[in-house]
PDB file of N, CA and C in Angstrom:
ATOM      1  N   MET A   1     -17.356  -6.698  -6.465  1.00  0.00           N
ATOM      2  CA  MET A   1     -17.126  -6.499  -5.041  1.00  0.00           C
ATOM      3  C   MET A   1     -17.266  -5.017  -4.709  1.00  0.00           C
ATOM      4  N   GLU A   2     -17.816  -4.736  -3.554  1.00  0.00           N
ATOM      5  CA  GLU A   2     -18.040  -3.347  -3.160  1.00  0.00           C
ATOM      6  C   GLU A   2     -16.727  -2.651  -2.855  1.00  0.00           C
ATOM      7  N   GLY A   3     -16.715  -1.319  -2.983  1.00  0.00           N
ATOM      8  CA  GLY A   3     -15.547  -0.540  -2.599  1.00  0.00           C
ATOM      9  C   GLY A   3     -15.376  -0.574  -1.094  1.00  0.00           C
ATOM     10  N   LEU A   4     -14.193  -0.263  -0.642  1.00  0.00           N
ATOM     11  CA  LEU A   4     -13.897  -0.303   0.781  1.00  0.00           C
ATOM     12  C   LEU A   4     -14.362   0.976   1.455  1.00  0.00           C
ATOM     13  N   SER A   5     -14.989   0.843   2.597  1.00  0.00           N
ATOM     14  CA  SER A   5     -15.312   1.983   3.428  1.00  0.00           C
ATOM     15  C   SER A   5     -14.266   2.014   4.530  1.00  0.00           C
ATOM     16  N   MET A   6     -13.437   3.035   4.536  1.00  0.00           N
ATOM     17  CA  MET A   6     -12.325   3.044   5.469  1.00  0.00           C
ATOM     18  C   MET A   6     -12.656   3.676   6.809  1.00  0.00           C
ATOM     19  N   SER A   7     -13.813   4.354   6.910  1.00  0.00           N
ATOM     20  CA  SER A   7     -14.171   4.885   8.215  1.00  0.00           C
ATOM     21  C   SER A   7     -14.593   3.723   9.102  1.00  0.00           C
ATOM     22  N   ASP A   8     -14.295   3.841  10.372  1.00  0.00           N
ATOM     23  CA  ASP A   8     -14.642   2.834  11.371  1.00  0.00           C
ATOM     24  C   ASP A   8     -13.876   1.522  11.255  1.00  0.00           C
ATOM     25  N   MET A   9     -12.873   1.428  10.410  1.00  0.00           N
ATOM     26  CA  MET A   9     -12.100   0.193  10.312  1.00  0.00           C
ATOM     27  C   MET A   9     -10.927   0.236  11.277  1.00  0.00           C
ATOM     28  N   GLU A  10     -10.683  -0.876  11.924  1.00  0.00           N
ATOM     29  CA  GLU A  10      -9.496  -1.028  12.755  1.00  0.00           C
ATOM     30  C   GLU A  10      -8.331  -1.355  11.825  1.00  0.00           C
ATOM     31  N   ASP A  11      -7.100  -1.237  12.337  1.00  0.00           N
ATOM     32  CA  ASP A  11      -5.918  -1.543  11.537  1.00  0.00           C
ATOM     33  C   ASP A  11      -6.015  -2.914  10.881  1.00  0.00           C
ATOM     34  N   ASP A  12      -6.349  -3.914  11.676  1.00  0.00           N
ATOM     35  CA  ASP A  12      -6.416  -5.271  11.139  1.00  0.00           C
ATOM     36  C   ASP A  12      -7.519  -5.412  10.105  1.00  0.00           C
ATOM     37  N   GLU A  13      -8.640  -4.753  10.342  1.00  0.00           N
ATOM     38  CA  GLU A  13      -9.740  -4.818   9.387  1.00  0.00           C
ATOM     39  C   GLU A  13      -9.331  -4.250   8.045  1.00  0.00           C
ATOM     40  N   CYS A  14      -8.637  -3.120   8.073  1.00  0.00           N
ATOM     41  CA  CYS A  14      -8.172  -2.502   6.830  1.00  0.00           C
ATOM     42  C   CYS A  14      -7.351  -3.509   6.036  1.00  0.00           C
ATOM     43  N   TRP A  15      -6.366  -4.069   6.692  1.00  0.00           N
ATOM     44  CA  TRP A  15      -5.461  -4.991   6.009  1.00  0.00           C
ATOM     45  C   TRP A  15      -6.145  -6.298   5.662  1.00  0.00           C
ATOM     46  N   ASN A  16      -7.059  -6.782   6.489  1.00  0.00           N
ATOM     47  CA  ASN A  16      -7.781  -8.013   6.162  1.00  0.00           C
ATOM     48  C   ASN A  16      -8.621  -7.828   4.912  1.00  0.00           C
ATOM     49  N   THR A  17      -9.233  -6.667   4.765  1.00  0.00           N
ATOM     50  CA  THR A  17     -10.016  -6.384   3.566  1.00  0.00           C
ATOM     51  C   THR A  17      -9.110  -6.337   2.345  1.00  0.00           C
ATOM     52  N   LEU A  18      -7.956  -5.715   2.486  1.00  0.00           N
ATOM     53  CA  LEU A  18      -7.015  -5.619   1.373  1.00  0.00           C
ATOM     54  C   LEU A  18      -6.447  -6.994   1.014  1.00  0.00           C
ATOM     55  N   GLU A  19      -6.423  -7.888   1.967  1.00  0.00           N
ATOM     56  CA  GLU A  19      -5.909  -9.245   1.738  1.00  0.00           C
ATOM     57  C   GLU A  19      -6.690  -9.949   0.615  1.00  0.00           C
ATOM     58  N   ASN A  20      -7.945  -9.584   0.434  1.00  0.00           N
ATOM     59  CA  ASN A  20      -8.747 -10.154  -0.656  1.00  0.00           C
ATOM     60  C   ASN A  20      -8.158  -9.827  -2.028  1.00  0.00           C
ATOM     61  N   TYR A  21      -7.347  -8.783  -2.096  1.00  0.00           N
ATOM     62  CA  TYR A  21      -6.746  -8.351  -3.361  1.00  0.00           C
ATOM     63  C   TYR A  21      -5.264  -8.707  -3.458  1.00  0.00           C
ATOM     64  N   ARG A  22      -4.756  -9.458  -2.496  1.00  0.00           N
ATOM     65  CA  ARG A  22      -3.316  -9.734  -2.424  1.00  0.00           C
ATOM     66  C   ARG A  22      -2.768 -10.323  -3.731  1.00  0.00           C
ATOM     67  N   LEU A  23      -3.427 -11.318  -4.287  1.00  0.00           N
ATOM     68  CA  LEU A  23      -2.939 -11.946  -5.510  1.00  0.00           C
ATOM     69  C   LEU A  23      -2.877 -10.931  -6.649  1.00  0.00           C
ATOM     70  N   LEU A  24      -3.919 -10.125  -6.790  1.00  0.00           N
ATOM     71  CA  LEU A  24      -3.934  -9.097  -7.830  1.00  0.00           C
ATOM     72  C   LEU A  24      -2.811  -8.083  -7.612  1.00  0.00           C
ATOM     73  N   LEU A  25      -2.615  -7.671  -6.362  1.00  0.00           N
ATOM     74  CA  LEU A  25      -1.549  -6.713  -6.044  1.00  0.00           C
ATOM     75  C   LEU A  25      -0.183  -7.301  -6.385  1.00  0.00           C
ATOM     76  N   ILE A  26       0.030  -8.541  -6.003  1.00  0.00           N
ATOM     77  CA  ILE A  26       1.327  -9.185  -6.245  1.00  0.00           C
ATOM     78  C   ILE A  26       1.580  -9.341  -7.746  1.00  0.00           C
ATOM     79  N   LYS A  27       0.542  -9.610  -8.513  1.00  0.00           N
ATOM     80  CA  LYS A  27       0.699  -9.780  -9.956  1.00  0.00           C
ATOM     81  C   LYS A  27       0.928  -8.456 -10.679  1.00  0.00           C
ATOM     82  N   THR A  28       0.449  -7.356 -10.100  1.00  0.00           N
ATOM     83  CA  THR A  28       0.417  -6.078 -10.814  1.00  0.00           C
ATOM     84  C   THR A  28       1.535  -5.104 -10.435  1.00  0.00           C
ATOM     85  N   ILE A  29       1.846  -5.012  -9.174  1.00  0.00           N
ATOM     86  CA  ILE A  29       2.711  -3.940  -8.682  1.00  0.00           C
ATOM     87  C   ILE A  29       4.187  -4.193  -8.962  1.00  0.00           C
ATOM     88  N   GLU A  30       4.862  -3.136  -9.360  1.00  0.00           N
ATOM     89  CA  GLU A  30       6.326  -3.101  -9.457  1.00  0.00           C
ATOM     90  C   GLU A  30       6.785  -2.313  -8.234  1.00  0.00           C
ATOM     91  N   PRO A  31       7.410  -2.984  -7.254  1.00  0.00           N
ATOM     92  CA  PRO A  31       7.733  -2.308  -5.985  1.00  0.00           C
ATOM     93  C   PRO A  31       8.557  -1.027  -6.132  1.00  0.00           C
ATOM     94  N   SER A  32       9.444  -0.973  -7.101  1.00  0.00           N
ATOM     95  CA  SER A  32      10.290   0.216  -7.248  1.00  0.00           C
ATOM     96  C   SER A  32       9.481   1.459  -7.630  1.00  0.00           C
ATOM     97  N   ARG A  33       8.273   1.290  -8.120  1.00  0.00           N
ATOM     98  CA  ARG A  33       7.429   2.448  -8.459  1.00  0.00           C
ATOM     99  C   ARG A  33       6.797   3.077  -7.224  1.00  0.00           C
ATOM    100  N   ILE A  34       6.514   2.265  -6.192  1.00  0.00           N
ATOM    101  CA  ILE A  34       5.780   2.812  -5.046  1.00  0.00           C
ATOM    102  C   ILE A  34       6.644   3.030  -3.806  1.00  0.00           C
ATOM    103  N   THR A  35       7.808   2.426  -3.730  1.00  0.00           N
ATOM    104  CA  THR A  35       8.611   2.578  -2.516  1.00  0.00           C
ATOM    105  C   THR A  35       9.069   4.014  -2.246  1.00  0.00           C
ATOM    106  N   PRO A  36       9.383   4.829  -3.257  1.00  0.00           N
ATOM    107  CA  PRO A  36       9.764   6.218  -2.921  1.00  0.00           C
ATOM    108  C   PRO A  36       8.653   6.968  -2.171  1.00  0.00           C
ATOM    109  N   TYR A  37       7.412   6.799  -2.606  1.00  0.00           N
ATOM    110  CA  TYR A  37       6.298   7.460  -1.920  1.00  0.00           C
ATOM    111  C   TYR A  37       6.149   6.916  -0.500  1.00  0.00           C
ATOM    112  N   LEU A  38       6.256   5.607  -0.351  1.00  0.00           N
ATOM    113  CA  LEU A  38       6.107   4.989   0.966  1.00  0.00           C
ATOM    114  C   LEU A  38       7.219   5.413   1.912  1.00  0.00           C
ATOM    115  N   ARG A  39       8.430   5.591   1.397  1.00  0.00           N
ATOM    116  CA  ARG A  39       9.535   6.096   2.231  1.00  0.00           C
ATOM    117  C   ARG A  39       9.276   7.541   2.625  1.00  0.00           C
ATOM    118  N   GLN A  40       8.788   8.334   1.692  1.00  0.00           N
ATOM    119  CA  GLN A  40       8.502   9.740   1.972  1.00  0.00           C
ATOM    120  C   GLN A  40       7.416   9.863   3.046  1.00  0.00           C
ATOM    121  N   CYS A  41       6.469   8.935   3.056  1.00  0.00           N
ATOM    122  CA  CYS A  41       5.406   8.917   4.071  1.00  0.00           C
ATOM    123  C   CYS A  41       5.877   8.316   5.392  1.00  0.00           C
ATOM    124  N   LYS A  42       7.114   7.834   5.412  1.00  0.00           N
ATOM    125  CA  LYS A  42       7.729   7.262   6.620  1.00  0.00           C
ATOM    126  C   LYS A  42       7.016   5.994   7.119  1.00  0.00           C
ATOM    127  N   VAL A  43       6.500   5.204   6.181  1.00  0.00           N
ATOM    128  CA  VAL A  43       5.940   3.900   6.546  1.00  0.00           C
ATOM    129  C   VAL A  43       6.856   2.772   6.084  1.00  0.00           C
ATOM    130  N   LEU A  44       7.922   3.150   5.393  1.00  0.00           N
ATOM    131  CA  LEU A  44       8.926   2.207   4.919  1.00  0.00           C
ATOM    132  C   LEU A  44      10.278   2.804   5.246  1.00  0.00           C
ATOM    133  N   SER A  45      11.125   2.029   5.902  1.00  0.00           N
ATOM    134  CA  SER A  45      12.452   2.528   6.277  1.00  0.00           C
ATOM    135  C   SER A  45      13.480   2.160   5.218  1.00  0.00           C
ATOM    136  N   THR A  46      14.658   2.726   5.356  1.00  0.00           N
ATOM    137  CA  THR A  46      15.775   2.392   4.479  1.00  0.00           C
ATOM    138  C   THR A  46      16.086   0.901   4.577  1.00  0.00           C
ATOM    139  N   GLU A  47      16.040   0.387   5.796  1.00  0.00           N
ATOM    140  CA  GLU A  47      16.316  -1.037   6.010  1.00  0.00           C
ATOM    141  C   GLU A  47      15.265  -1.917   5.331  1.00  0.00           C
ATOM    142  N   ASP A  48      14.007  -1.498   5.416  1.00  0.00           N
ATOM    143  CA  ASP A  48      12.935  -2.247   4.749  1.00  0.00           C
ATOM    144  C   ASP A  48      13.179  -2.282   3.243  1.00  0.00           C
ATOM    145  N   GLU A  49      13.489  -1.133   2.694  1.00  0.00           N
ATOM    146  CA  GLU A  49      13.730  -1.042   1.257  1.00  0.00           C
ATOM    147  C   GLU A  49      14.938  -1.886   0.861  1.00  0.00           C
ATOM    148  N   GLU A  50      15.972  -1.830   1.679  1.00  0.00           N
ATOM    149  CA  GLU A  50      17.171  -2.637   1.450  1.00  0.00           C
ATOM    150  C   GLU A  50      16.812  -4.122   1.415  1.00  0.00           C
ATOM    151  N   GLN A  51      15.991  -4.558   2.355  1.00  0.00           N
ATOM    152  CA  GLN A  51      15.565  -5.958   2.405  1.00  0.00           C
ATOM    153  C   GLN A  51      14.803  -6.344   1.139  1.00  0.00           C
ATOM    154  N   ILE A  52      13.882  -5.501   0.731  1.00  0.00           N
ATOM    155  CA  ILE A  52      13.042  -5.804  -0.433  1.00  0.00           C
ATOM    156  C   ILE A  52      13.880  -5.936  -1.702  1.00  0.00           C
ATOM    157  N   PHE A  53      14.826  -5.033  -1.886  1.00  0.00           N
ATOM    158  CA  PHE A  53      15.550  -5.005  -3.153  1.00  0.00           C
ATOM    159  C   PHE A  53      16.867  -5.765  -3.164  1.00  0.00           C
ATOM    160  N   ASN A  54      17.421  -6.094  -2.001  1.00  0.00           N
ATOM    161  CA  ASN A  54      18.739  -6.727  -1.991  1.00  0.00           C
ATOM    162  C   ASN A  54      18.795  -8.102  -1.350  1.00  0.00           C
ATOM    163  N   ASP A  55      17.686  -8.580  -0.808  1.00  0.00           N
ATOM    164  CA  ASP A  55      17.670  -9.915  -0.219  1.00  0.00           C
ATOM    165  C   ASP A  55      17.799 -10.945  -1.344  1.00  0.00           C
ATOM    166  N   PRO A  56      18.813 -11.827  -1.275  1.00  0.00           N
ATOM    167  CA  PRO A  56      18.994 -12.823  -2.339  1.00  0.00           C
ATOM    168  C   PRO A  56      17.826 -13.805  -2.464  1.00  0.00           C
ATOM    169  N   ASN A  57      17.001 -13.919  -1.441  1.00  0.00           N
ATOM    170  CA  ASN A  57      15.832 -14.788  -1.506  1.00  0.00           C
ATOM    171  C   ASN A  57      14.660 -14.132  -2.226  1.00  0.00           C
ATOM    172  N   LEU A  58      14.799 -12.847  -2.524  1.00  0.00           N
ATOM    173  CA  LEU A  58      13.700 -12.103  -3.136  1.00  0.00           C
ATOM    174  C   LEU A  58      14.063 -11.655  -4.552  1.00  0.00           C
ATOM    175  N   VAL A  59      14.462 -12.595  -5.383  1.00  0.00           N
ATOM    176  CA  VAL A  59      14.841 -12.223  -6.750  1.00  0.00           C
ATOM    177  C   VAL A  59      13.630 -12.104  -7.665  1.00  0.00           C
ATOM    178  N   ILE A  60      12.531 -12.735  -7.303  1.00  0.00           N
ATOM    179  CA  ILE A  60      11.319 -12.674  -8.115  1.00  0.00           C
ATOM    180  C   ILE A  60      10.482 -11.484  -7.647  1.00  0.00           C
ATOM    181  N   ARG A  61      10.054 -10.667  -8.607  1.00  0.00           N
ATOM    182  CA  ARG A  61       9.296  -9.449  -8.299  1.00  0.00           C
ATOM    183  C   ARG A  61       8.095  -9.731  -7.410  1.00  0.00           C
ATOM    184  N   ARG A  62       7.379 -10.796  -7.666  1.00  0.00           N
ATOM    185  CA  ARG A  62       6.171 -11.103  -6.881  1.00  0.00           C
ATOM    186  C   ARG A  62       6.510 -11.352  -5.414  1.00  0.00           C
ATOM    187  N   ARG A  63       7.641 -11.958  -5.155  1.00  0.00           N
ATOM    188  CA  ARG A  63       8.050 -12.163  -3.760  1.00  0.00           C
ATOM    189  C   ARG A  63       8.359 -10.829  -3.094  1.00  0.00           C
ATOM    190  N   LYS A  64       8.977  -9.930  -3.854  1.00  0.00           N
ATOM    191  CA  LYS A  64       9.284  -8.599  -3.319  1.00  0.00           C
ATOM    192  C   LYS A  64       8.001  -7.887  -2.910  1.00  0.00           C
ATOM    193  N   VAL A  65       6.977  -7.971  -3.745  1.00  0.00           N
ATOM    194  CA  VAL A  65       5.699  -7.325  -3.440  1.00  0.00           C
ATOM    195  C   VAL A  65       5.075  -7.965  -2.204  1.00  0.00           C
ATOM    196  N   GLY A  66       5.147  -9.273  -2.096  1.00  0.00           N
ATOM    197  CA  GLY A  66       4.605  -9.958  -0.923  1.00  0.00           C
ATOM    198  C   GLY A  66       5.267  -9.496   0.362  1.00  0.00           C
ATOM    199  N   VAL A  67       6.591  -9.378   0.345  1.00  0.00           N
ATOM    200  CA  VAL A  67       7.324  -8.903   1.520  1.00  0.00           C
ATOM    201  C   VAL A  67       6.977  -7.444   1.798  1.00  0.00           C
ATOM    202  N   LEU A  68       6.873  -6.634   0.758  1.00  0.00           N
ATOM    203  CA  LEU A  68       6.489  -5.231   0.924  1.00  0.00           C
ATOM    204  C   LEU A  68       5.121  -5.136   1.617  1.00  0.00           C
ATOM    205  N   LEU A  69       4.156  -5.909   1.173  1.00  0.00           N
ATOM    206  CA  LEU A  69       2.829  -5.891   1.802  1.00  0.00           C
ATOM    207  C   LEU A  69       2.908  -6.334   3.258  1.00  0.00           C
ATOM    208  N   ASP A  70       3.713  -7.351   3.539  1.00  0.00           N
ATOM    209  CA  ASP A  70       3.871  -7.820   4.923  1.00  0.00           C
ATOM    210  C   ASP A  70       4.489  -6.740   5.811  1.00  0.00           C
ATOM    211  N   ILE A  71       5.493  -6.054   5.293  1.00  0.00           N
ATOM    212  CA  ILE A  71       6.139  -4.965   6.048  1.00  0.00           C
ATOM    213  C   ILE A  71       5.135  -3.853   6.312  1.00  0.00           C
ATOM    214  N   LEU A  72       4.393  -3.455   5.289  1.00  0.00           N
ATOM    215  CA  LEU A  72       3.426  -2.365   5.434  1.00  0.00           C
ATOM    216  C   LEU A  72       2.308  -2.722   6.403  1.00  0.00           C
ATOM    217  N   GLN A  73       1.919  -3.984   6.423  1.00  0.00           N
ATOM    218  CA  GLN A  73       0.841  -4.401   7.327  1.00  0.00           C
ATOM    219  C   GLN A  73       1.218  -4.151   8.783  1.00  0.00           C
ATOM    220  N   ARG A  74       2.497  -4.252   9.099  1.00  0.00           N
ATOM    221  CA  ARG A  74       2.953  -4.005  10.472  1.00  0.00           C
ATOM    222  C   ARG A  74       2.881  -2.524  10.852  1.00  0.00           C
ATOM    223  N   THR A  75       2.690  -1.645   9.870  1.00  0.00           N
ATOM    224  CA  THR A  75       2.632  -0.211  10.154  1.00  0.00           C
ATOM    225  C   THR A  75       1.214   0.268  10.462  1.00  0.00           C
ATOM    226  N   GLY A  76       0.245  -0.641  10.394  1.00  0.00           N
ATOM    227  CA  GLY A  76      -1.122  -0.304  10.762  1.00  0.00           C
ATOM    228  C   GLY A  76      -1.821   0.597   9.759  1.00  0.00           C
ATOM    229  N   CYS A  77      -2.678   1.439  10.297  1.00  0.00           N
ATOM    230  CA  CYS A  77      -3.525   2.291   9.475  1.00  0.00           C
ATOM    231  C   CYS A  77      -2.722   3.270   8.612  1.00  0.00           C
ATOM    232  N   LYS A  78      -1.669   3.840   9.179  1.00  0.00           N
ATOM    233  CA  LYS A  78      -0.860   4.799   8.414  1.00  0.00           C
ATOM    234  C   LYS A  78      -0.264   4.127   7.176  1.00  0.00           C
ATOM    235  N   GLY A  79       0.233   2.907   7.341  1.00  0.00           N
ATOM    236  CA  GLY A  79       0.777   2.169   6.204  1.00  0.00           C
ATOM    237  C   GLY A  79      -0.285   1.825   5.182  1.00  0.00           C
ATOM    238  N   TYR A  80      -1.464   1.490   5.676  1.00  0.00           N
ATOM    239  CA  TYR A  80      -2.586   1.169   4.803  1.00  0.00           C
ATOM    240  C   TYR A  80      -2.965   2.377   3.941  1.00  0.00           C
ATOM    241  N   VAL A  81      -3.113   3.519   4.589  1.00  0.00           N
ATOM    242  CA  VAL A  81      -3.486   4.743   3.870  1.00  0.00           C
ATOM    243  C   VAL A  81      -2.389   5.135   2.880  1.00  0.00           C
ATOM    244  N   ALA A  82      -1.131   5.079   3.312  1.00  0.00           N
ATOM    245  CA  ALA A  82      -0.019   5.423   2.411  1.00  0.00           C
ATOM    246  C   ALA A  82       0.014   4.473   1.219  1.00  0.00           C
ATOM    247  N   PHE A  83      -0.222   3.191   1.459  1.00  0.00           N
ATOM    248  CA  PHE A  83      -0.230   2.217   0.373  1.00  0.00           C
ATOM    249  C   PHE A  83      -1.338   2.529  -0.625  1.00  0.00           C
ATOM    250  N   LEU A  84      -2.550   2.799  -0.132  1.00  0.00           N
ATOM    251  CA  LEU A  84      -3.649   3.149  -1.045  1.00  0.00           C
ATOM    252  C   LEU A  84      -3.330   4.418  -1.828  1.00  0.00           C
ATOM    253  N   GLU A  85      -2.708   5.378  -1.158  1.00  0.00           N
ATOM    254  CA  GLU A  85      -2.341   6.612  -1.863  1.00  0.00           C
ATOM    255  C   GLU A  85      -1.268   6.348  -2.908  1.00  0.00           C
ATOM    256  N   SER A  86      -0.367   5.423  -2.637  1.00  0.00           N
ATOM    257  CA  SER A  86       0.656   5.087  -3.643  1.00  0.00           C
ATOM    258  C   SER A  86      -0.010   4.416  -4.846  1.00  0.00           C
ATOM    259  N   LEU A  87      -1.025   3.597  -4.591  1.00  0.00           N
ATOM    260  CA  LEU A  87      -1.772   3.004  -5.707  1.00  0.00           C
ATOM    261  C   LEU A  87      -2.512   4.088  -6.490  1.00  0.00           C
ATOM    262  N   GLU A  88      -3.069   5.028  -5.766  1.00  0.00           N
ATOM    263  CA  GLU A  88      -3.786   6.131  -6.404  1.00  0.00           C
ATOM    264  C   GLU A  88      -2.867   6.895  -7.355  1.00  0.00           C
ATOM    265  N   LEU A  89      -1.640   7.069  -6.948  1.00  0.00           N
ATOM    266  CA  LEU A  89      -0.656   7.799  -7.749  1.00  0.00           C
ATOM    267  C   LEU A  89      -0.150   6.977  -8.928  1.00  0.00           C
ATOM    268  N   ASP A  90       0.261   5.738  -8.667  1.00  0.00           N
ATOM    269  CA  ASP A  90       0.950   4.944  -9.694  1.00  0.00           C
ATOM    270  C   ASP A  90       0.103   3.870 -10.359  1.00  0.00           C
ATOM    271  N   TYR A  91      -0.985   3.473  -9.723  1.00  0.00           N
ATOM    272  CA  TYR A  91      -1.848   2.420 -10.265  1.00  0.00           C
ATOM    273  C   TYR A  91      -3.313   2.814 -10.086  1.00  0.00           C
ATOM    274  N   PRO A  92      -3.758   3.874 -10.779  1.00  0.00           N
ATOM    275  CA  PRO A  92      -5.119   4.380 -10.570  1.00  0.00           C
ATOM    276  C   PRO A  92      -6.216   3.338 -10.844  1.00  0.00           C
ATOM    277  N   GLU A  93      -6.015   2.467 -11.827  1.00  0.00           N
ATOM    278  CA  GLU A  93      -7.027   1.444 -12.117  1.00  0.00           C
ATOM    279  C   GLU A  93      -7.156   0.464 -10.955  1.00  0.00           C
ATOM    280  N   LEU A  94      -6.031   0.083 -10.385  1.00  0.00           N
ATOM    281  CA  LEU A  94      -6.024  -0.828  -9.239  1.00  0.00           C
ATOM    282  C   LEU A  94      -6.661  -0.155  -8.025  1.00  0.00           C
ATOM    283  N   TYR A  95      -6.335   1.115  -7.819  1.00  0.00           N
ATOM    284  CA  TYR A  95      -6.937   1.895  -6.734  1.00  0.00           C
ATOM    285  C   TYR A  95      -8.461   1.916  -6.881  1.00  0.00           C
ATOM    286  N   ARG A  96      -8.923   2.169  -8.090  1.00  0.00           N
ATOM    287  CA  ARG A  96     -10.358   2.232  -8.377  1.00  0.00           C
ATOM    288  C   ARG A  96     -11.012   0.879  -8.085  1.00  0.00           C
ATOM    289  N   LYS A  97     -10.370  -0.194  -8.494  1.00  0.00           N
ATOM    290  CA  LYS A  97     -10.928  -1.534  -8.285  1.00  0.00           C
ATOM    291  C   LYS A  97     -11.031  -1.867  -6.795  1.00  0.00           C
ATOM    292  N   ILE A  98     -10.016  -1.507  -6.022  1.00  0.00           N
ATOM    293  CA  ILE A  98      -9.973  -1.844  -4.599  1.00  0.00           C
ATOM    294  C   ILE A  98     -10.908  -0.961  -3.771  1.00  0.00           C
ATOM    295  N   THR A  99     -10.907   0.323  -4.046  1.00  0.00           N
ATOM    296  CA  THR A  99     -11.675   1.259  -3.211  1.00  0.00           C
ATOM    297  C   THR A  99     -13.063   1.570  -3.749  1.00  0.00           C
ATOM    298  N   GLY A 100     -13.263   1.386  -5.040  1.00  0.00           N
ATOM    299  CA  GLY A 100     -14.526   1.776  -5.652  1.00  0.00           C
ATOM    300  C   GLY A 100     -14.639   3.274  -5.843  1.00  0.00           C
ATOM    301  N   LYS A 101     -13.522   3.983  -5.675  1.00  0.00           N
ATOM    302  CA  LYS A 101     -13.506   5.448  -5.781  1.00  0.00           C
ATOM    303  C   LYS A 101     -12.596   5.878  -6.929  1.00  0.00           C
ATOM    304  N   GLU A 102     -12.897   7.060  -7.442  1.00  0.00           N
ATOM    305  CA  GLU A 102     -12.029   7.652  -8.455  1.00  0.00           C
ATOM    306  C   GLU A 102     -10.797   8.238  -7.771  1.00  0.00           C
ATOM    307  N   PRO A 103      -9.627   8.100  -8.374  1.00  0.00           N
ATOM    308  CA  PRO A 103      -8.423   8.712  -7.787  1.00  0.00           C
ATOM    309  C   PRO A 103      -8.587  10.224  -7.685  1.00  0.00           C
ATOM    310  N   ALA A 104      -8.324  10.759  -6.500  1.00  0.00           N
ATOM    311  CA  ALA A 104      -8.466  12.194  -6.263  1.00  0.00           C
ATOM    312  C   ALA A 104      -7.126  12.915  -6.375  1.00  0.00           C
ATOM    313  N   ARG A 105      -6.047  12.143  -6.310  1.00  0.00           N
ATOM    314  CA  ARG A 105      -4.688  12.698  -6.367  1.00  0.00           C
ATOM    315  C   ARG A 105      -4.427  13.694  -5.244  1.00  0.00           C
ATOM    316  N   VAL A 106      -5.025  13.433  -4.090  1.00  0.00           N
ATOM    317  CA  VAL A 106      -4.781  14.229  -2.895  1.00  0.00           C
ATOM    318  C   VAL A 106      -4.029  13.329  -1.930  1.00  0.00           C
ATOM    319  N   PHE A 107      -2.829  13.711  -1.601  1.00  0.00           N
ATOM    320  CA  PHE A 107      -1.973  12.837  -0.819  1.00  0.00           C
ATOM    321  C   PHE A 107      -1.873  13.355   0.598  1.00  0.00           C
ATOM    322  N   SER A 108      -2.791  12.876   1.411  1.00  0.00           N
ATOM    323  CA  SER A 108      -3.029  13.394   2.749  1.00  0.00           C
ATOM    324  C   SER A 108      -1.877  13.192   3.710  1.00  0.00           C
ATOM    325  N   ILE A 109      -1.217  12.062   3.656  1.00  0.00           N
ATOM    326  CA  ILE A 109      -0.151  11.796   4.626  1.00  0.00           C
ATOM    327  C   ILE A 109       0.970  12.822   4.456  1.00  0.00           C
ATOM    328  N   LEU A 110       1.251  13.193   3.226  1.00  0.00           N
ATOM    329  CA  LEU A 110       2.337  14.140   2.990  1.00  0.00           C
ATOM    330  C   LEU A 110       2.006  15.540   3.486  1.00  0.00           C
ATOM    331  N   VAL A 111       0.721  15.878   3.517  1.00  0.00           N
ATOM    332  CA  VAL A 111       0.343  17.204   3.998  1.00  0.00           C
ATOM    333  C   VAL A 111      -0.108  17.157   5.463  1.00  0.00           C
ATOM    334  N   GLY A 112      -0.081  15.960   6.043  1.00  0.00           N
ATOM    335  CA  GLY A 112      -0.346  15.822   7.467  1.00  0.00           C
ATOM    336  C   GLY A 112      -1.790  15.646   7.874  1.00  0.00           C
ATOM    337  N   GLU A 113      -2.708  15.551   6.923  1.00  0.00           N
ATOM    338  CA  GLU A 113      -4.106  15.367   7.256  1.00  0.00           C
ATOM    339  C   GLU A 113      -4.617  14.114   6.588  1.00  0.00           C
ATOM    340  N   PRO A 114      -4.840  13.054   7.362  1.00  0.00           N
ATOM    341  CA  PRO A 114      -5.301  11.799   6.756  1.00  0.00           C
ATOM    342  C   PRO A 114      -6.615  11.979   6.011  1.00  0.00           C
ATOM    343  N   LEU A 115      -6.646  11.470   4.802  1.00  0.00           N
ATOM    344  CA  LEU A 115      -7.834  11.502   3.966  1.00  0.00           C
ATOM    345  C   LEU A 115      -8.846  10.492   4.477  1.00  0.00           C
ATOM    346  N   PHE A 116      -8.358   9.379   5.012  1.00  0.00           N
ATOM    347  CA  PHE A 116      -9.205   8.313   5.493  1.00  0.00           C
ATOM    348  C   PHE A 116      -9.031   8.179   6.985  1.00  0.00           C
ATOM    349  N   LYS A 117     -10.094   7.856   7.655  1.00  0.00           N
ATOM    350  CA  LYS A 117     -10.025   7.552   9.087  1.00  0.00           C
ATOM    351  C   LYS A 117     -10.064   6.044   9.247  1.00  0.00           C
ATOM    352  N   CYS A 118      -9.209   5.503  10.080  1.00  0.00           N
ATOM    353  CA  CYS A 118      -9.215   4.062  10.339  1.00  0.00           C
ATOM    354  C   CYS A 118      -9.642   3.813  11.769  1.00  0.00           C
TER     355      CYS A 118
END
């Protein structure tokens, strides 16, 4: 599958494209590894994190990841970019598979300049 081109994508397009990888993401990601970065980027709130880690209905890790993806999808392009950057940091192989790009380790949201345009 081709890498994602993030220029000219609308919020929904970004997330719809990522939806093709949902099963792989749910099988691979440990939410506790990426939530600190997502909170720092302000695309995940304390309440969101509380829901993911303390909801009694979310005892299975895969369900936690599914809810995390659903929460992030509501944040639009900023959440999409922050999520990809969190993969770049903690899951470089997954980032490479999804984007078709080598991890650059440049975290644009934290420095205020988006690396990707949506």
